[in-house]
C-alpha atoms as a PDB file:
ATOM      1  CA  UNK A   1       0.020   0.007   0.009  1.00  0.00           C
ATOM      2  CA  UNK A   2       1.330   3.448  -0.949  1.00  0.00           C
ATOM      3  CA  UNK A   3       1.528   5.706   1.963  1.00  0.00           C
ATOM      4  CA  UNK A   4       2.191   9.618   1.934  1.00  0.00           C
ATOM      5  CA  UNK A   5       4.869  10.763   4.382  1.00  0.00           C
ATOM      6  CA  UNK A   6       3.322  12.640   7.433  1.00  0.00           C
ATOM      7  CA  UNK A   7       5.975  15.268   7.050  1.00  0.00           C
ATOM      8  CA  UNK A   8       4.883  16.109   3.531  1.00  0.00           C
ATOM      9  CA  UNK A   9       1.196  16.317   4.711  1.00  0.00           C
ATOM     10  CA  UNK A  10       2.031  18.832   7.411  1.00  0.00           C
ATOM     11  CA  UNK A  11       4.297  20.864   5.080  1.00  0.00           C
ATOM     12  CA  UNK A  12       1.342  21.266   2.405  1.00  0.00           C
ATOM     13  CA  UNK A  13      -1.030  22.216   5.237  1.00  0.00           C
ATOM     14  CA  UNK A  14       1.500  24.751   6.603  1.00  0.00           C
ATOM     15  CA  UNK A  15       1.951  26.087   3.160  1.00  0.00           C
ATOM     16  CA  UNK A  16      -1.825  26.618   2.660  1.00  0.00           C
ATOM     17  CA  UNK A  17      -2.176  28.362   6.071  1.00  0.00           C
ATOM     18  CA  UNK A  18       0.714  30.608   5.421  1.00  0.00           C
ATOM     19  CA  UNK A  19      -0.812  31.603   2.009  1.00  0.00           C
ATOM     20  CA  UNK A  20      -4.044  32.755   3.846  1.00  0.00           C
ATOM     21  CA  UNK A  21      -1.947  34.919   6.120  1.00  0.00           C
ATOM     22  CA  UNK A  22      -0.208  36.489   3.239  1.00  0.00           C
ATOM     23  CA  UNK A  23      -3.577  37.351   1.754  1.00  0.00           C
ATOM     24  CA  UNK A  24      -4.597  38.928   4.866  1.00  0.00           C
ATOM     25  CA  UNK A  25      -1.470  40.965   5.042  1.00  0.00           C
ATOM     26  CA  UNK A  26      -1.948  42.132   1.460  1.00  0.00           C
ATOM     27  CA  UNK A  27      -5.496  43.200   2.238  1.00  0.00           C
ATOM     28  CA  UNK A  28      -4.827  45.057   5.331  1.00  0.00           C
ATOM     29  CA  UNK A  29      -5.673  48.399   3.667  1.00  0.00           C
ATOM     30  CA  UNK A  30      -9.157  47.396   2.708  1.00  0.00           C
ATOM     31  CA  UNK A  31     -10.653  47.296   6.236  1.00  0.00           C
ATOM     32  CA  UNK A  32     -11.484  50.625   8.089  1.00  0.00           C
ATOM     33  CA  UNK A  33      -8.896  49.498  10.869  1.00  0.00           C
ATOM     34  CA  UNK A  34      -6.118  46.824  10.489  1.00  0.00           C
ATOM     35  CA  UNK A  35      -6.070  45.972  14.126  1.00  0.00           C
ATOM     36  CA  UNK A  36      -8.736  43.347  14.307  1.00  0.00           C
ATOM     37  CA  UNK A  37      -7.404  41.710  11.178  1.00  0.00           C
ATOM     38  CA  UNK A  38      -3.918  41.481  12.662  1.00  0.00           C
ATOM     39  CA  UNK A  39      -5.328  40.092  15.867  1.00  0.00           C
ATOM     40  CA  UNK A  40      -7.095  37.510  13.802  1.00  0.00           C
ATOM     41  CA  UNK A  41      -3.837  36.550  11.822  1.00  0.00           C
ATOM     42  CA  UNK A  42      -2.058  36.022  15.131  1.00  0.00           C
ATOM     43  CA  UNK A  43      -4.925  33.785  16.481  1.00  0.00           C
ATOM     44  CA  UNK A  44      -4.996  31.865  13.220  1.00  0.00           C
ATOM     45  CA  UNK A  45      -1.200  31.357  13.203  1.00  0.00           C
ATOM     46  CA  UNK A  46      -0.991  30.184  16.733  1.00  0.00           C
ATOM     47  CA  UNK A  47      -3.979  27.604  16.153  1.00  0.00           C
ATOM     48  CA  UNK A  48      -2.360  26.477  12.871  1.00  0.00           C
ATOM     49  CA  UNK A  49       1.056  26.051  14.426  1.00  0.00           C
ATOM     50  CA  UNK A  50      -0.346  24.109  17.466  1.00  0.00           C
ATOM     51  CA  UNK A  51      -2.483  21.951  15.185  1.00  0.00           C
ATOM     52  CA  UNK A  52       0.388  21.021  12.893  1.00  0.00           C
ATOM     53  CA  UNK A  53       2.865  20.530  15.407  1.00  0.00           C
ATOM     54  CA  UNK A  54       5.013  17.359  14.177  1.00  0.00           C
ATOM     55  CA  UNK A  55       5.205  15.222  17.343  1.00  0.00           C
ATOM     56  CA  UNK A  56       1.416  15.625  18.197  1.00  0.00           C
ATOM     57  CA  UNK A  57      -0.808  12.544  18.103  1.00  0.00           C
ATOM     58  CA  UNK A  58      -3.005  11.765  15.197  1.00  0.00           C
ATOM     59  CA  UNK A  59      -6.233  12.418  17.102  1.00  0.00           C
ATOM     60  CA  UNK A  60      -6.461  15.978  18.208  1.00  0.00           C
ATOM     61  CA  UNK A  61      -6.767  16.669  21.864  1.00  0.00           C
ATOM     62  CA  UNK A  62     -10.130  17.868  22.961  1.00  0.00           C
ATOM     63  CA  UNK A  63      -8.786  21.104  24.341  1.00  0.00           C
ATOM     64  CA  UNK A  64      -7.070  21.961  21.010  1.00  0.00           C
ATOM     65  CA  UNK A  65     -10.225  21.001  18.995  1.00  0.00           C
ATOM     66  CA  UNK A  66     -12.140  23.629  21.290  1.00  0.00           C
ATOM     67  CA  UNK A  67      -9.523  26.197  20.822  1.00  0.00           C
ATOM     68  CA  UNK A  68      -9.625  25.768  17.158  1.00  0.00           C
ATOM     69  CA  UNK A  69     -13.531  25.968  17.135  1.00  0.00           C
ATOM     70  CA  UNK A  70     -13.197  29.137  19.193  1.00  0.00           C
ATOM     71  CA  UNK A  71     -10.618  30.677  16.717  1.00  0.00           C
ATOM     72  CA  UNK A  72     -12.929  29.737  13.762  1.00  0.00           C
ATOM     73  CA  UNK A  73     -15.628  31.625  15.317  1.00  0.00           C
ATOM     74  CA  UNK A  74     -13.683  34.517  16.394  1.00  0.00           C
ATOM     75  CA  UNK A  75     -12.079  35.249  12.917  1.00  0.00           C
ATOM     76  CA  UNK A  76     -15.210  36.050  11.209  1.00  0.00           C
ATOM     77  CA  UNK A  77     -16.371  38.457  13.904  1.00  0.00           C
ATOM     78  CA  UNK A  78     -13.042  40.227  14.057  1.00  0.00           C
ATOM     79  CA  UNK A  79     -12.313  40.756  10.388  1.00  0.00           C
ATOM     80  CA  UNK A  80     -15.894  41.414   9.271  1.00  0.00           C
ATOM     81  CA  UNK A  81     -16.430  44.062  11.974  1.00  0.00           C
ATOM     82  CA  UNK A  82     -14.272  46.526   9.853  1.00  0.00           C
ATOM     83  CA  UNK A  83     -15.659  45.427   6.428  1.00  0.00           C
ATOM     84  CA  UNK A  84     -18.958  46.245   4.512  1.00  0.00           C
ATOM     85  CA  UNK A  85     -20.944  43.267   3.850  1.00  0.00           C
ATOM     86  CA  UNK A  86     -22.852  44.827   1.121  1.00  0.00           C
ATOM     87  CA  UNK A  87     -19.899  45.061  -1.389  1.00  0.00           C
ATOM     88  CA  UNK A  88     -17.150  42.872  -2.647  1.00  0.00           C
ATOM     89  CA  UNK A  89     -14.319  43.088  -0.294  1.00  0.00           C
ATOM     90  CA  UNK A  90     -11.884  40.965  -2.384  1.00  0.00           C
ATOM     91  CA  UNK A  91      -8.912  39.302  -0.401  1.00  0.00           C
ATOM     92  CA  UNK A  92     -10.090  40.977   2.718  1.00  0.00           C
ATOM     93  CA  UNK A  93     -12.378  37.959   3.341  1.00  0.00           C
ATOM     94  CA  UNK A  94      -9.261  35.836   3.666  1.00  0.00           C
ATOM     95  CA  UNK A  95     -10.676  34.565   6.993  1.00  0.00           C
ATOM     96  CA  UNK A  96     -13.226  32.263   5.036  1.00  0.00           C
ATOM     97  CA  UNK A  97     -10.648  30.073   3.376  1.00  0.00           C
ATOM     98  CA  UNK A  98      -8.618  30.155   6.647  1.00  0.00           C
ATOM     99  CA  UNK A  99     -11.411  28.866   8.836  1.00  0.00           C
ATOM    100  CA  UNK A 100     -11.954  26.233   6.076  1.00  0.00           C
ATOM    101  CA  UNK A 101      -8.287  25.154   6.153  1.00  0.00           C
ATOM    102  CA  UNK A 102      -8.149  25.066  10.081  1.00  0.00           C
ATOM    103  CA  UNK A 103     -11.310  23.128  10.296  1.00  0.00           C
ATOM    104  CA  UNK A 104     -10.036  20.790   7.459  1.00  0.00           C
ATOM    105  CA  UNK A 105      -6.930  20.068   9.720  1.00  0.00           C
ATOM    106  CA  UNK A 106      -9.227  19.568  12.765  1.00  0.00           C
ATOM    107  CA  UNK A 107     -11.162  17.072  10.659  1.00  0.00           C
ATOM    108  CA  UNK A 108      -8.143  15.226   9.454  1.00  0.00           C
ATOM    109  CA  UNK A 109      -7.032  14.810  12.948  1.00  0.00           C
ATOM    110  CA  UNK A 110     -10.362  12.948  13.743  1.00  0.00           C
ATOM    111  CA  UNK A 111     -12.399  15.578  15.248  1.00  0.00           C
ATOM    112  CA  UNK A 112     -15.159  15.735  12.567  1.00  0.00           C
ATOM    113  CA  UNK A 113     -17.919  17.055  14.607  1.00  0.00           C
ATOM    114  CA  UNK A 114     -15.893  20.198  15.731  1.00  0.00           C
ATOM    115  CA  UNK A 115     -14.959  20.837  12.153  1.00  0.00           C
ATOM    116  CA  UNK A 116     -18.694  20.519  11.032  1.00  0.00           C
ATOM    117  CA  UNK A 117     -19.611  22.969  13.905  1.00  0.00           C
ATOM    118  CA  UNK A 118     -16.851  25.408  12.759  1.00  0.00           C
ATOM    119  CA  UNK A 119     -17.743  25.672   9.103  1.00  0.00           C
ATOM    120  CA  UNK A 120     -21.354  25.622  10.134  1.00  0.00           C
ATOM    121  CA  UNK A 121     -20.961  28.759  12.160  1.00  0.00           C
ATOM    122  CA  UNK A 122     -19.034  30.201   9.284  1.00  0.00           C
ATOM    123  CA  UNK A 123     -21.824  29.621   6.922  1.00  0.00           C
ATOM    124  CA  UNK A 124     -24.425  30.942   9.238  1.00  0.00           C
ATOM    125  CA  UNK A 125     -22.489  34.179  10.191  1.00  0.00           C
ATOM    126  CA  UNK A 126     -21.915  34.803   6.443  1.00  0.00           C
ATOM    127  CA  UNK A 127     -25.562  34.563   5.587  1.00  0.00           C
ATOM    128  CA  UNK A 128     -26.531  36.925   8.339  1.00  0.00           C
ATOM    129  CA  UNK A 129     -23.799  39.385   7.739  1.00  0.00           C
ATOM    130  CA  UNK A 130     -23.642  39.612   3.892  1.00  0.00           C
ATOM    131  CA  UNK A 131     -26.652  37.562   2.725  1.00  0.00           C
ATOM    132  CA  UNK A 132     -27.158  34.032   1.161  1.00  0.00           C
ATOM    133  CA  UNK A 133     -25.391  35.025  -2.122  1.00  0.00           C
ATOM    134  CA  UNK A 134     -22.181  35.621  -0.197  1.00  0.00           C
ATOM    135  CA  UNK A 135     -22.038  31.790   0.620  1.00  0.00           C
ATOM    136  CA  UNK A 136     -20.989  31.274  -2.955  1.00  0.00           C
ATOM    137  CA  UNK A 137     -19.061  34.568  -3.631  1.00  0.00           C
ATOM    138  CA  UNK A 138     -16.915  34.561  -0.610  1.00  0.00           C
ATOM    139  CA  UNK A 139     -15.874  30.729  -0.738  1.00  0.00           C
ATOM    140  CA  UNK A 140     -17.881  29.480   2.161  1.00  0.00           C
ATOM    141  CA  UNK A 141     -19.051  26.531   0.131  1.00  0.00           C
ATOM    142  CA  UNK A 142     -15.441  25.634  -0.799  1.00  0.00           C
ATOM    143  CA  UNK A 143     -14.618  25.528   2.894  1.00  0.00           C
ATOM    144  CA  UNK A 144     -17.513  23.343   3.626  1.00  0.00           C
ATOM    145  CA  UNK A 145     -16.512  21.186   0.830  1.00  0.00           C
ATOM    146  CA  UNK A 146     -12.826  20.909   2.029  1.00  0.00           C
ATOM    147  CA  UNK A 147     -14.154  19.745   5.374  1.00  0.00           C
ATOM    148  CA  UNK A 148     -16.344  17.078   3.798  1.00  0.00           C
ATOM    149  CA  UNK A 149     -13.553  15.741   1.500  1.00  0.00           C
ATOM    150  CA  UNK A 150     -11.128  15.548   4.528  1.00  0.00           C
ATOM    151  CA  UNK A 151     -13.785  13.529   6.499  1.00  0.00           C
ATOM    152  CA  UNK A 152     -14.302  11.202   3.618  1.00  0.00           C
ATOM    153  CA  UNK A 153     -10.493  10.852   3.144  1.00  0.00           C
ATOM    154  CA  UNK A 154     -10.043  10.216   6.909  1.00  0.00           C
ATOM    155  CA  UNK A 155     -12.650   7.445   6.849  1.00  0.00           C
ATOM    156  CA  UNK A 156     -11.247   5.779   3.696  1.00  0.00           C
ATOM    157  CA  UNK A 157      -7.516   5.871   5.002  1.00  0.00           C
ATOM    158  CA  UNK A 158      -8.807   4.401   8.352  1.00  0.00           C
ATOM    159  CA  UNK A 159     -10.550   1.516   6.563  1.00  0.00           C
ATOM    160  CA  UNK A 160      -7.548   1.020   4.216  1.00  0.00           C
ATOM    161  CA  UNK A 161      -5.204   0.889   7.493  1.00  0.00           C
ATOM    162  CA  UNK A 162      -7.606  -1.498   9.114  1.00  0.00           C
ATOM    163  CA  UNK A 163      -7.691  -3.665   6.147  1.00  0.00           C
ATOM    164  CA  UNK A 164      -3.995  -3.563   5.676  1.00  0.00           C
ATOM    165  CA  UNK A 165      -3.572  -4.719   9.316  1.00  0.00           C
ATOM    166  CA  UNK A 166      -6.096  -7.677   8.670  1.00  0.00           C
ATOM    167  CA  UNK A 167      -4.315  -8.773   5.491  1.00  0.00           C
ATOM    168  CA  UNK A 168      -1.009  -8.469   7.187  1.00  0.00           C
ATOM    169  CA  UNK A 169      -2.250 -10.666  10.003  1.00  0.00           C
ATOM    170  CA  UNK A 170      -3.909 -13.254   7.708  1.00  0.00           C
ATOM    171  CA  UNK A 171      -0.471 -13.221   5.859  1.00  0.00           C
ATOM    172  CA  UNK A 172       1.488 -14.057   9.003  1.00  0.00           C
ATOM    173  CA  UNK A 173      -1.106 -16.768  10.095  1.00  0.00           C
ATOM    174  CA  UNK A 174      -0.697 -18.211   6.605  1.00  0.00           C
ATOM    175  CA  UNK A 175       3.005 -18.143   6.840  1.00  0.00           C
ATOM    176  CA  UNK A 176       2.940 -19.806  10.376  1.00  0.00           C
ATOM    177  CA  UNK A 177       0.473 -22.429   9.086  1.00  0.00           C
ATOM    178  CA  UNK A 178       2.865 -23.132   6.099  1.00  0.00           C
ATOM    179  CA  UNK A 179       5.932 -23.250   8.306  1.00  0.00           C
ATOM    180  CA  UNK A 180       4.105 -25.648  10.717  1.00  0.00           C
ATOM    181  CA  UNK A 181       3.170 -27.892   7.992  1.00  0.00           C
ATOM    182  CA  UNK A 182       6.464 -28.085   6.318  1.00  0.00           C
ATOM    183  CA  UNK A 183       7.900 -28.945   9.949  1.00  0.00           C
ATOM    184  CA  UNK A 184       5.544 -31.629  10.309  1.00  0.00           C
ATOM    185  CA  UNK A 185       6.171 -33.001   6.827  1.00  0.00           C
ATOM    186  CA  UNK A 186      10.022 -32.831   7.572  1.00  0.00           C
ATOM    187  CA  UNK A 187       9.405 -34.611  10.765  1.00  0.00           C
ATOM    188  CA  UNK A 188       7.416 -37.245   9.319  1.00  0.00           C
ATOM    189  CA  UNK A 189       9.943 -37.723   6.652  1.00  0.00           C
ATOM    190  CA  UNK A 190      12.927 -38.128   9.077  1.00  0.00           C
ATOM    191  CA  UNK A 191      10.913 -40.544  11.409  1.00  0.00           C
ATOM    192  CA  UNK A 192       9.815 -42.603   8.292  1.00  0.00           C
ATOM    193  CA  UNK A 193      13.399 -42.826   7.277  1.00  0.00           C
ATOM    194  CA  UNK A 194      14.644 -43.858  10.612  1.00  0.00           C
ATOM    195  CA  UNK A 195      11.821 -46.347  10.865  1.00  0.00           C
ATOM    196  CA  UNK A 196      12.821 -47.818   7.602  1.00  0.00           C
ATOM    197  CA  UNK A 197      16.454 -48.086   8.702  1.00  0.00           C
ATOM    198  CA  UNK A 198      15.316 -49.958  11.833  1.00  0.00           C
ATOM    199  CA  UNK A 199      12.733 -52.275  10.331  1.00  0.00           C
ATOM    200  CA  UNK A 200      14.091 -52.914   6.827  1.00  0.00           C
ATOM    201  CA  UNK A 201      16.938 -55.353   7.872  1.00  0.00           C
ATOM    202  CA  UNK A 202      14.590 -57.477   9.926  1.00  0.00           C
ATOM    203  CA  UNK A 203      11.833 -57.433   7.307  1.00  0.00           C
ATOM    204  CA  UNK A 204      14.252 -58.692   4.748  1.00  0.00           C
ATOM    205  CA  UNK A 205      15.417 -61.357   7.181  1.00  0.00           C
ATOM    206  CA  UNK A 206      11.661 -62.393   7.728  1.00  0.00           C
ATOM    207  CA  UNK A 207      11.088 -62.521   3.757  1.00  0.00           C
ATOM    208  CA  UNK A 208      14.225 -64.635   3.442  1.00  0.00           C
ATOM    209  CA  UNK A 209      13.181 -67.220   6.175  1.00  0.00           C
ATOM    210  CA  UNK A 210       9.576 -67.316   4.814  1.00  0.00           C
ATOM    211  CA  UNK A 211       8.262 -66.091   8.226  1.00  0.00           C
ATOM    212  CA  UNK A 212       9.931 -68.959  10.170  1.00  0.00           C
ATOM    213  CA  UNK A 213      11.859 -67.245  13.083  1.00  0.00           C
ATOM    214  CA  UNK A 214      13.666 -68.628  15.969  1.00  0.00           C
ATOM    215  CA  UNK A 215      12.787 -67.434  19.479  1.00  0.00           C
ATOM    216  CA  UNK A 216      15.576 -65.120  19.601  1.00  0.00           C
ATOM    217  CA  UNK A 217      14.636 -63.499  16.405  1.00  0.00           C
ATOM    218  CA  UNK A 218      11.057 -63.199  17.543  1.00  0.00           C
ATOM    219  CA  UNK A 219      12.344 -61.356  20.614  1.00  0.00           C
ATOM    220  CA  UNK A 220      14.178 -59.010  18.550  1.00  0.00           C
ATOM    221  CA  UNK A 221      11.132 -58.332  16.469  1.00  0.00           C
ATOM    222  CA  UNK A 222       9.487 -57.324  19.611  1.00  0.00           C
ATOM    223  CA  UNK A 223      12.230 -54.937  20.507  1.00  0.00           C
ATOM    224  CA  UNK A 224      12.151 -53.647  17.105  1.00  0.00           C
ATOM    225  CA  UNK A 225       8.346 -53.122  17.392  1.00  0.00           C
ATOM    226  CA  UNK A 226       8.775 -51.272  20.573  1.00  0.00           C
ATOM    227  CA  UNK A 227      11.578 -49.075  19.323  1.00  0.00           C
ATOM    228  CA  UNK A 228       9.303 -48.007  16.205  1.00  0.00           C
ATOM    229  CA  UNK A 229       6.580 -47.230  18.683  1.00  0.00           C
ATOM    230  CA  UNK A 230       9.005 -45.110  20.601  1.00  0.00           C
ATOM    231  CA  UNK A 231       9.533 -43.015  17.301  1.00  0.00           C
ATOM    232  CA  UNK A 232       5.931 -42.317  17.251  1.00  0.00           C
ATOM    233  CA  UNK A 233       4.984 -41.755  20.955  1.00  0.00           C
ATOM    234  CA  UNK A 234       8.339 -40.524  22.205  1.00  0.00           C
ATOM    235  CA  UNK A 235       9.078 -37.916  19.476  1.00  0.00           C
ATOM    236  CA  UNK A 236      11.327 -35.118  21.057  1.00  0.00           C
ATOM    237  CA  UNK A 237      12.264 -37.332  23.960  1.00  0.00           C
ATOM    238  CA  UNK A 238      14.533 -39.265  21.821  1.00  0.00           C
ATOM    239  CA  UNK A 239      18.140 -39.007  20.869  1.00  0.00           C
ATOM    240  CA  UNK A 240      20.660 -41.659  20.270  1.00  0.00           C
ATOM    241  CA  UNK A 241      21.570 -42.052  23.856  1.00  0.00           C
ATOM    242  CA  UNK A 242      18.023 -42.317  24.874  1.00  0.00           C
ATOM    243  CA  UNK A 243      17.390 -45.055  22.357  1.00  0.00           C
ATOM    244  CA  UNK A 244      20.397 -46.906  23.544  1.00  0.00           C
ATOM    245  CA  UNK A 245      19.476 -46.899  27.233  1.00  0.00           C
ATOM    246  CA  UNK A 246      15.817 -47.739  26.425  1.00  0.00           C
ATOM    247  CA  UNK A 247      16.799 -50.853  24.359  1.00  0.00           C
ATOM    248  CA  UNK A 248      19.317 -51.733  27.034  1.00  0.00           C
ATOM    249  CA  UNK A 249      16.537 -51.667  29.730  1.00  0.00           C
ATOM    250  CA  UNK A 250      14.311 -53.699  27.751  1.00  0.00           C
ATOM    251  CA  UNK A 251      16.969 -56.240  26.894  1.00  0.00           C
ATOM    252  CA  UNK A 252      17.333 -56.943  30.923  1.00  0.00           C
ATOM    253  CA  UNK A 253      13.422 -57.331  30.948  1.00  0.00           C
ATOM    254  CA  UNK A 254      12.113 -53.799  31.795  1.00  0.00           C
ATOM    255  CA  UNK A 255       8.988 -52.167  30.132  1.00  0.00           C
ATOM    256  CA  UNK A 256       9.859 -48.743  28.981  1.00  0.00           C
ATOM    257  CA  UNK A 257       7.100 -46.288  27.894  1.00  0.00           C
ATOM    258  CA  UNK A 258       8.082 -42.947  26.372  1.00  0.00           C
ATOM    259  CA  UNK A 259       5.173 -40.445  25.970  1.00  0.00           C
ATOM    260  CA  UNK A 260       5.924 -36.842  24.518  1.00  0.00           C
ATOM    261  CA  UNK A 261       2.427 -35.040  24.630  1.00  0.00           C
ATOM    262  CA  UNK A 262       3.762 -31.846  23.160  1.00  0.00           C
ATOM    263  CA  UNK A 263       5.016 -30.311  26.461  1.00  0.00           C
ATOM    264  CA  UNK A 264       8.616 -29.707  25.276  1.00  0.00           C
ATOM    265  CA  UNK A 265       7.796 -28.595  21.722  1.00  0.00           C
ATOM    266  CA  UNK A 266       9.106 -25.189  22.741  1.00  0.00           C
ATOM    267  CA  UNK A 267      12.681 -26.641  23.532  1.00  0.00           C
ATOM    268  CA  UNK A 268      15.532 -26.921  21.062  1.00  0.00           C
ATOM    269  CA  UNK A 269      19.142 -26.821  20.885  1.00  0.00           C
ATOM    270  CA  UNK A 270      21.293 -27.259  23.850  1.00  0.00           C
ATOM    271  CA  UNK A 271      18.431 -27.095  26.243  1.00  0.00           C
ATOM    272  CA  UNK A 272      16.751 -30.059  24.556  1.00  0.00           C
ATOM    273  CA  UNK A 273      19.923 -32.128  24.314  1.00  0.00           C
ATOM    274  CA  UNK A 274      20.766 -31.587  28.040  1.00  0.00           C
ATOM    275  CA  UNK A 275      17.065 -32.762  28.869  1.00  0.00           C
ATOM    276  CA  UNK A 276      17.586 -35.988  26.770  1.00  0.00           C
ATOM    277  CA  UNK A 277      20.870 -36.806  28.286  1.00  0.00           C
ATOM    278  CA  UNK A 278      19.310 -36.433  31.716  1.00  0.00           C
ATOM    279  CA  UNK A 279      16.583 -38.757  30.944  1.00  0.00           C
ATOM    280  CA  UNK A 280      19.103 -41.285  29.453  1.00  0.00           C
ATOM    281  CA  UNK A 281      21.164 -41.170  32.520  1.00  0.00           C
ATOM    282  CA  UNK A 282      18.004 -41.661  34.698  1.00  0.00           C
ATOM    283  CA  UNK A 283      17.084 -44.781  32.685  1.00  0.00           C
ATOM    284  CA  UNK A 284      20.527 -46.095  32.830  1.00  0.00           C
ATOM    285  CA  UNK A 285      20.810 -46.088  36.642  1.00  0.00           C
ATOM    286  CA  UNK A 286      17.527 -47.466  37.578  1.00  0.00           C
ATOM    287  CA  UNK A 287      16.771 -51.253  37.849  1.00  0.00           C
ATOM    288  CA  UNK A 288      13.100 -50.821  37.760  1.00  0.00           C
ATOM    289  CA  UNK A 289      10.946 -53.313  36.069  1.00  0.00           C
ATOM    290  CA  UNK A 290       8.554 -50.482  34.597  1.00  0.00           C
ATOM    291  CA  UNK A 291       9.886 -47.154  33.397  1.00  0.00           C
ATOM    292  CA  UNK A 292       7.600 -44.400  32.295  1.00  0.00           C
ATOM    293  CA  UNK A 293       8.804 -40.972  31.067  1.00  0.00           C
ATOM    294  CA  UNK A 294       6.252 -38.416  30.115  1.00  0.00           C
ATOM    295  CA  UNK A 295       6.507 -34.820  29.107  1.00  0.00           C
ATOM    296  CA  UNK A 296       4.671 -32.055  31.156  1.00  0.00           C
ATOM    297  CA  UNK A 297       2.521 -29.200  29.765  1.00  0.00           C
ATOM    298  CA  UNK A 298       4.475 -26.328  28.844  1.00  0.00           C
ATOM    299  CA  UNK A 299       3.204 -24.079  31.626  1.00  0.00           C
ATOM    300  CA  UNK A 300       4.778 -26.301  34.276  1.00  0.00           C
ATOM    301  CA  UNK A 301       8.110 -25.720  35.725  1.00  0.00           C
ATOM    302  CA  UNK A 302       8.868 -29.483  35.243  1.00  0.00           C
ATOM    303  CA  UNK A 303       9.664 -30.700  31.511  1.00  0.00           C
ATOM    304  CA  UNK A 304       9.692 -34.351  31.889  1.00  0.00           C
ATOM    305  CA  UNK A 305       8.783 -36.777  34.852  1.00  0.00           C
ATOM    306  CA  UNK A 306      10.261 -40.070  34.942  1.00  0.00           C
ATOM    307  CA  UNK A 307       8.768 -42.868  37.165  1.00  0.00           C
ATOM    308  CA  UNK A 308      10.477 -46.426  37.708  1.00  0.00           C
ATOM    309  CA  UNK A 309       8.193 -49.199  39.335  1.00  0.00           C
ATOM    310  CA  UNK A 310       9.593 -52.233  40.729  1.00  0.00           C
ATOM    311  CA  UNK A 311       7.291 -55.331  41.207  1.00  0.00           C
ATOM    312  CA  UNK A 312       7.860 -58.547  43.280  1.00  0.00           C
ATOM    313  CA  UNK A 313       5.536 -60.318  40.781  1.00  0.00           C
ATOM    314  CA  UNK A 314       7.945 -60.737  37.748  1.00  0.00           C
ATOM    315  CA  UNK A 315       5.244 -62.530  35.865  1.00  0.00           C
ATOM    316  CA  UNK A 316       2.890 -59.534  36.231  1.00  0.00           C
ATOM    317  CA  UNK A 317       5.477 -57.142  35.329  1.00  0.00           C
ATOM    318  CA  UNK A 318       6.545 -59.210  32.211  1.00  0.00           C
ATOM    319  CA  UNK A 319       2.922 -58.865  30.982  1.00  0.00           C
ATOM    320  CA  UNK A 320       2.994 -54.941  31.603  1.00  0.00           C
ATOM    321  CA  UNK A 321       0.643 -55.202  34.632  1.00  0.00           C
ATOM    322  CA  UNK A 322       0.951 -53.339  37.947  1.00  0.00           C
ATOM    323  CA  UNK A 323       0.479 -55.331  40.956  1.00  0.00           C
ATOM    324  CA  UNK A 324      -0.563 -53.898  44.364  1.00  0.00           C
ATOM    325  CA  UNK A 325       3.135 -54.509  45.552  1.00  0.00           C
ATOM    326  CA  UNK A 326       4.628 -52.258  43.048  1.00  0.00           C
ATOM    327  CA  UNK A 327       7.188 -49.986  44.664  1.00  0.00           C
ATOM    328  CA  UNK A 328       8.466 -46.656  43.392  1.00  0.00           C
ATOM    329  CA  UNK A 329      12.233 -47.299  42.475  1.00  0.00           C
ATOM    330  CA  UNK A 330      12.690 -43.882  40.614  1.00  0.00           C
ATOM    331  CA  UNK A 331      11.005 -40.644  40.678  1.00  0.00           C
ATOM    332  CA  UNK A 332      12.527 -37.747  38.773  1.00  0.00           C
ATOM    333  CA  UNK A 333      11.226 -34.333  37.609  1.00  0.00           C
ATOM    334  CA  UNK A 334      13.485 -32.890  35.028  1.00  0.00           C
ATOM    335  CA  UNK A 335      12.997 -29.098  35.364  1.00  0.00           C
ATOM    336  CA  UNK A 336      12.370 -26.890  32.413  1.00  0.00           C
ATOM    337  CA  UNK A 337      15.149 -24.835  31.306  1.00  0.00           C
ATOM    338  CA  UNK A 338      14.745 -21.103  32.024  1.00  0.00           C
ATOM    339  CA  UNK A 339      14.132 -18.917  29.190  1.00  0.00           C
ATOM    340  CA  UNK A 340      17.176 -17.107  28.029  1.00  0.00           C
ATOM    341  CA  UNK A 341      16.779 -13.303  27.712  1.00  0.00           C
ATOM    342  CA  UNK A 342      18.612 -11.383  25.112  1.00  0.00           C
ATOM    343  CA  UNK A 343      20.794  -8.501  26.314  1.00  0.00           C
END
């Protein structure tokens, strides 16, 4: 979207305002006394400078809008008091365009009601002072038109800005969605490739032997099936050290469950690797019959909990059942790394 620099708009408005002051100075010989016109010029200059101050907010303060309204009402009273409304005063009625410019600035700075009140008073006073025909001859209609155009443009620009913000938000959401989809696709490809490396040798061996396997080979297939399940359910809990310790625990007869439920998706890099190594060390040092590692919700101070249960009933343990005599052999809460703050 093409935008006009604010400085350029302020410069143009200041140029128009200065032009009307120049016209007023040029026509000082027309009124019977120049003093009211000079006072009107000073008031108009002060109101314009304050209204066009570069660091002021877009929406005009209420006190400044009231001041501009007071100035727009004072200018006609001051200048016209030394003029004859029954004849053509030329540039001596510079205040008409000046009020139009001041109220246009007020309308552009989101004080539309004040702007309408200012030009409304100007039109009513001009009719009362010089008659209905003066509304056209002195340019009152043009001042009212400027205010109307300024209000329409302000509404159009506000709507355009709102639409641009919505489009920008939609674009960011679409980009985030696309990035998430690409990340999921990449993760699926990586896990499929790893699963293929795990399963392909055993599948070829099964095909070569026509499905006839020894007890040792069948047990290896069970270990392989559990490892593939870990890749699906364990997700970010896994690295090579965790895989090695989990397989070692299974080979000694333990039942190991890894459950990543999305609680550590926000971790990456060194923090995630240290967490995995801590998990691998915990699995390596326990002799529990059943080991469960689960990620915790991301709002918790704990990232992963590790529980190891030992059972006196080895048969129940081998079947994956918990007996009433299970004892906690390991209880570990791996804390979530503190977020790093950029300097």
